[in-house]
Protein backbone atom coordinates (compact mmCIF):
# COMPACT_ATOMS: atom_id res chain seq x y z
CA MET A 1 155.14 52.46 113.74
CA LYS A 2 157.05 54.86 111.71
CA VAL A 3 159.08 52.09 110.19
CA VAL A 4 156.14 50.12 109.44
CA VAL A 5 154.41 52.94 107.54
CA LEU A 6 157.68 53.57 105.64
CA LEU A 7 157.92 49.81 104.78
CA LEU A 8 154.32 49.65 103.43
CA ILE A 9 154.84 52.74 101.32
CA ALA A 10 158.06 51.04 100.04
CA LEU A 11 156.15 47.89 99.16
CA GLY A 12 153.28 49.81 97.55
CA LEU A 13 150.80 48.52 100.00
CA TRP A 14 149.75 51.68 101.86
CA GLY A 15 147.22 52.50 99.12
CA LEU A 16 145.46 49.29 100.02
CA TRP A 17 144.47 50.71 103.37
CA ALA A 18 143.21 54.03 102.43
CA ASP A 19 139.73 55.01 101.65
CA VAL A 20 138.54 55.49 98.11
CA LYS A 21 137.95 59.41 98.11
CA VAL A 22 134.99 60.66 96.27
CA ALA A 23 134.18 64.40 95.41
CA ALA A 24 130.55 64.66 94.40
CA ALA A 25 128.23 67.43 93.63
CA ALA A 26 125.50 68.11 96.04
CA ASN A 27 122.70 66.70 93.95
CA MET A 28 124.14 63.11 94.51
CA SER A 29 123.83 63.52 98.28
CA PHE A 30 120.82 61.11 98.40
CA ALA A 31 121.82 58.29 95.82
CA LEU A 32 125.36 58.35 96.28
CA PRO A 33 125.00 56.43 99.85
CA LYS A 34 122.98 53.88 98.24
CA LEU A 35 125.49 53.36 95.33
CA ILE A 36 128.09 52.91 97.90
CA GLU A 37 126.15 50.55 99.82
CA ALA A 38 125.59 48.34 96.68
CA PHE A 39 129.12 48.77 95.88
CA ASN A 40 130.37 47.27 99.16
CA LYS A 41 128.11 44.39 98.88
CA GLU A 42 130.52 43.42 96.08
CA TYR A 43 133.71 44.84 97.69
CA PRO A 44 132.97 44.87 101.41
CA SER A 45 136.71 45.35 102.28
CA ILE A 46 136.83 48.86 100.15
CA LYS A 47 135.78 51.92 102.18
CA VAL A 48 134.43 54.77 100.06
CA SER A 49 134.48 58.39 101.79
CA THR A 50 132.78 61.41 100.34
CA THR A 51 133.13 64.97 100.21
CA ILE A 52 129.88 67.10 98.97
CA GLY A 53 129.93 70.43 97.45
CA SER A 54 129.16 72.48 94.46
CA SER A 55 130.70 71.14 91.22
CA GLY A 56 132.66 74.37 90.38
CA LYS A 57 134.33 74.51 94.11
CA LEU A 58 135.02 70.83 93.93
CA ALA A 59 136.95 71.34 90.38
CA ALA A 60 138.84 74.13 91.85
CA GLN A 61 140.13 72.24 94.75
CA ILE A 62 141.06 69.14 92.49
CA ALA A 63 142.98 71.71 90.18
CA HIS A 64 144.87 72.89 93.02
CA GLY A 65 145.88 69.46 94.04
CA ALA A 66 143.01 68.10 96.41
CA ASN A 67 143.58 64.42 97.24
CA PHE A 68 140.37 62.63 95.57
CA ASP A 69 140.20 59.53 93.54
CA LEU A 70 137.10 60.21 91.75
CA TYR A 71 135.05 63.47 90.91
CA LEU A 72 131.35 63.23 90.13
CA SER A 73 130.12 66.62 88.67
CA ALA A 74 126.74 67.86 88.04
CA ASN A 75 127.84 68.73 84.73
CA ILE A 76 130.30 67.01 82.46
CA SER A 77 132.16 70.34 81.39
CA TYR A 78 134.10 70.31 84.73
CA PRO A 79 135.50 66.96 84.42
CA LYS A 80 136.24 67.75 80.65
CA ARG A 81 137.94 70.80 81.84
CA LEU A 82 140.16 69.06 84.44
CA ALA A 83 140.85 66.33 81.72
CA LYS A 84 142.17 69.20 79.35
CA GLN A 85 144.55 70.28 82.07
CA GLY A 86 146.19 66.99 82.29
CA ILE A 87 144.37 66.06 85.47
CA GLY A 88 142.84 62.66 85.73
CA TYR A 89 143.23 59.03 84.17
CA SER A 90 140.25 58.57 82.26
CA ARG A 91 138.06 60.57 79.83
CA ALA A 92 135.25 62.58 81.33
CA LEU A 93 132.15 60.21 80.83
CA PRO A 94 128.51 61.03 81.38
CA TYR A 95 126.99 58.72 84.13
CA ALA A 96 123.67 60.10 84.58
CA LEU A 97 121.14 62.75 83.17
CA GLY A 98 119.89 65.14 85.81
CA GLU A 99 116.24 66.81 85.64
CA LEU A 100 115.36 70.37 87.15
CA VAL A 101 112.12 70.87 88.95
CA LEU A 102 110.51 73.75 90.85
CA VAL A 103 108.96 73.23 94.19
CA SER A 104 106.78 75.70 96.07
CA ARG A 105 104.81 76.31 99.25
CA LYS A 106 101.63 77.01 97.33
CA PRO A 107 100.37 75.47 94.05
CA LEU A 108 101.78 77.29 90.86
CA HIS A 109 99.99 76.83 87.65
CA SER A 110 102.84 77.98 85.59
CA LEU A 111 106.30 79.70 85.72
CA GLU A 112 104.57 82.93 85.26
CA ASP A 113 103.18 82.53 88.90
CA LEU A 114 106.78 83.14 90.22
CA THR A 115 106.20 86.73 89.82
CA THR A 116 103.64 86.60 92.49
CA LEU A 117 106.34 85.37 95.11
CA THR A 118 108.81 87.01 97.32
CA ARG A 119 111.83 84.62 97.81
CA ILE A 120 112.86 82.12 94.88
CA ALA A 121 115.87 79.91 95.57
CA ILE A 122 118.29 78.84 92.75
CA ALA A 123 121.73 77.16 93.11
CA ASN A 124 124.62 79.72 92.34
CA PRO A 125 125.05 79.55 88.49
CA LYS A 126 128.70 80.48 88.93
CA THR A 127 129.63 77.12 90.75
CA ALA A 128 126.47 74.81 90.42
CA PRO A 129 125.17 73.41 87.13
CA TYR A 130 121.58 73.10 88.31
CA GLY A 131 121.76 76.94 88.93
CA VAL A 132 123.01 77.44 85.33
CA ALA A 133 119.78 75.51 84.23
CA ALA A 134 117.53 77.35 86.40
CA MET A 135 118.89 80.72 85.03
CA GLU A 136 118.15 79.52 81.45
CA VAL A 137 114.72 78.55 82.46
CA LEU A 138 114.05 81.97 83.62
CA LYS A 139 115.84 83.80 80.68
CA HIS A 140 114.17 81.57 77.97
CA SER A 141 110.69 81.97 79.69
CA GLY A 142 111.18 85.79 79.70
CA LEU A 143 110.94 85.85 83.58
CA TYR A 144 114.43 86.65 84.62
CA GLU A 145 114.14 90.55 84.71
CA LYS A 146 110.65 90.44 86.45
CA ILE A 147 111.97 88.38 89.40
CA ARG A 148 115.66 88.98 89.67
CA SER A 149 115.37 90.99 92.78
CA LYS A 150 113.67 88.12 94.42
CA LEU A 151 116.25 85.26 93.70
CA VAL A 152 118.10 83.90 96.61
CA PHE A 153 121.29 81.92 95.70
CA GLY A 154 122.50 78.90 97.53
CA GLU A 155 126.12 78.10 97.36
CA SER A 156 125.34 74.47 96.24
CA VAL A 157 122.48 72.48 95.46
CA ALA A 158 122.10 71.32 98.96
CA GLN A 159 121.92 74.87 100.36
CA THR A 160 119.36 75.64 97.70
CA VAL A 161 117.30 72.51 99.06
CA GLY A 162 117.63 73.96 102.56
CA TYR A 163 116.22 77.28 101.40
CA ALA A 164 113.30 75.27 99.79
CA MET A 165 112.78 73.67 103.12
CA HIS A 166 113.08 76.82 105.33
CA GLY A 167 112.20 80.22 104.08
CA ALA A 168 111.85 80.41 100.23
CA ASP A 169 108.61 80.54 98.64
CA ALA A 170 109.81 78.26 95.76
CA ALA A 171 113.05 76.82 94.66
CA PHE A 172 114.36 75.49 91.61
CA ILE A 173 116.18 71.92 92.52
CA PRO A 174 117.25 68.62 90.92
CA ARG A 175 114.28 66.00 90.99
CA SER A 176 116.72 63.71 92.78
CA ALA A 177 116.45 66.04 95.81
CA LEU A 178 112.85 65.12 96.20
CA PHE A 179 113.90 61.53 97.51
CA SER A 180 115.50 62.78 100.61
CA PRO A 181 113.74 61.39 103.58
CA HIS A 182 113.72 64.75 105.17
CA PHE A 183 112.26 66.61 102.44
CA PRO A 184 108.76 67.99 103.21
CA LYS A 185 105.69 67.55 101.22
CA MET A 186 105.49 70.54 98.75
CA TYR A 187 103.89 71.47 95.46
CA LEU A 188 105.70 70.52 92.22
CA LEU A 189 106.08 72.04 88.91
CA LYS A 190 107.75 70.13 86.12
CA ILE A 191 110.07 72.20 84.05
CA ASP A 192 110.00 71.85 80.17
CA PRO A 193 113.26 70.30 79.45
CA SER A 194 113.60 72.30 76.31
CA LEU A 195 113.96 75.44 78.40
CA TYR A 196 117.54 74.17 79.69
CA THR A 197 120.64 72.78 78.27
CA LYS A 198 120.67 68.78 78.85
CA ILE A 199 122.26 68.24 82.40
CA GLU A 200 125.01 65.70 81.59
CA GLN A 201 126.46 64.35 85.07
CA GLY A 202 130.16 63.52 84.54
CA VAL A 203 132.81 61.37 86.10
CA VAL A 204 136.42 61.23 85.87
CA LEU A 205 138.87 59.06 87.40
CA LEU A 206 141.63 61.05 89.21
CA THR A 207 144.12 58.21 90.26
CA LYS A 208 145.43 54.87 89.30
CA ARG A 209 144.39 53.16 92.53
CA GLU A 210 142.62 49.62 91.76
CA ASP A 211 140.07 50.27 94.35
CA ALA A 212 138.96 53.54 92.81
CA GLN A 213 138.94 52.01 89.33
CA ARG A 214 136.64 49.58 90.56
CA PHE A 215 134.23 52.07 91.91
CA PHE A 216 134.46 53.84 88.55
CA VAL A 217 133.58 50.67 86.45
CA PHE A 218 130.67 49.96 89.14
CA LEU A 219 128.97 53.46 88.28
CA PHE A 220 128.26 52.27 84.87
CA SER A 221 126.82 48.74 85.88
CA GLN A 222 123.30 47.83 85.72
CA LYS A 223 123.23 47.81 89.59
CA ALA A 224 124.28 51.49 89.68
CA ALA A 225 121.90 52.43 86.91
CA LYS A 226 118.90 51.09 88.59
CA ILE A 227 119.73 53.14 91.71
CA LEU A 228 120.43 56.32 89.94
CA GLN A 229 117.03 55.88 88.14
CA ASN A 230 115.19 55.27 91.49
CA TYR A 231 116.71 58.72 92.59
CA GLY A 232 115.37 60.58 89.88
CA TYR A 233 118.17 60.44 87.24
CA ARG A 234 117.86 59.20 83.44
CA ILE A 235 120.71 56.97 82.33
CA PRO A 236 122.72 58.09 79.16
CA GLU A 237 122.37 55.90 76.05
């Protein structure tokens, strides 16, 4: 077996048998399986494996040599930062625009109603772009100082969604999370997009592998755009 493996490596064929490894921000947890499913209809022999986490932590892992083929961030700034460090084989490109929403266990008529609650969940702004957006909303609306002691921080969007489902009175989450089949019925308050910086989700190709390049190109196809729109994203012009 060792001889066969060495021969495959020497012939450059070992990479053909490896998965395409995708590191993706937690907000993509629900759309990504559908993207992979559609991709596999075109390329049934290419297996795509995923690692889900906060954008910042994934970027740090990649900067320290983690073995991924593509990186899908909730904010294009992380892929751009990697590209500036000489990591990757493509420019950082926006593939979707995210939307922040507020969900709650009882109806909220405005953001000001957050002052009546006890536990409000947001993603950690140090590592999660949707957390940054939530903090911008609270500060621009003049609510941060009033409710800062009530904030509960999730280490990723996925953990924040978990808080929304179990324990928190309200939570700032991506609109895409509402499409989870496990997400309970909750009250929804739309957030004025002018209160936070536009959430440009970005991708960078990290290897030259042909299979990874195919998935990278597929992300910008009409089929992928339709899936992303169905999961609460807008498509960059």
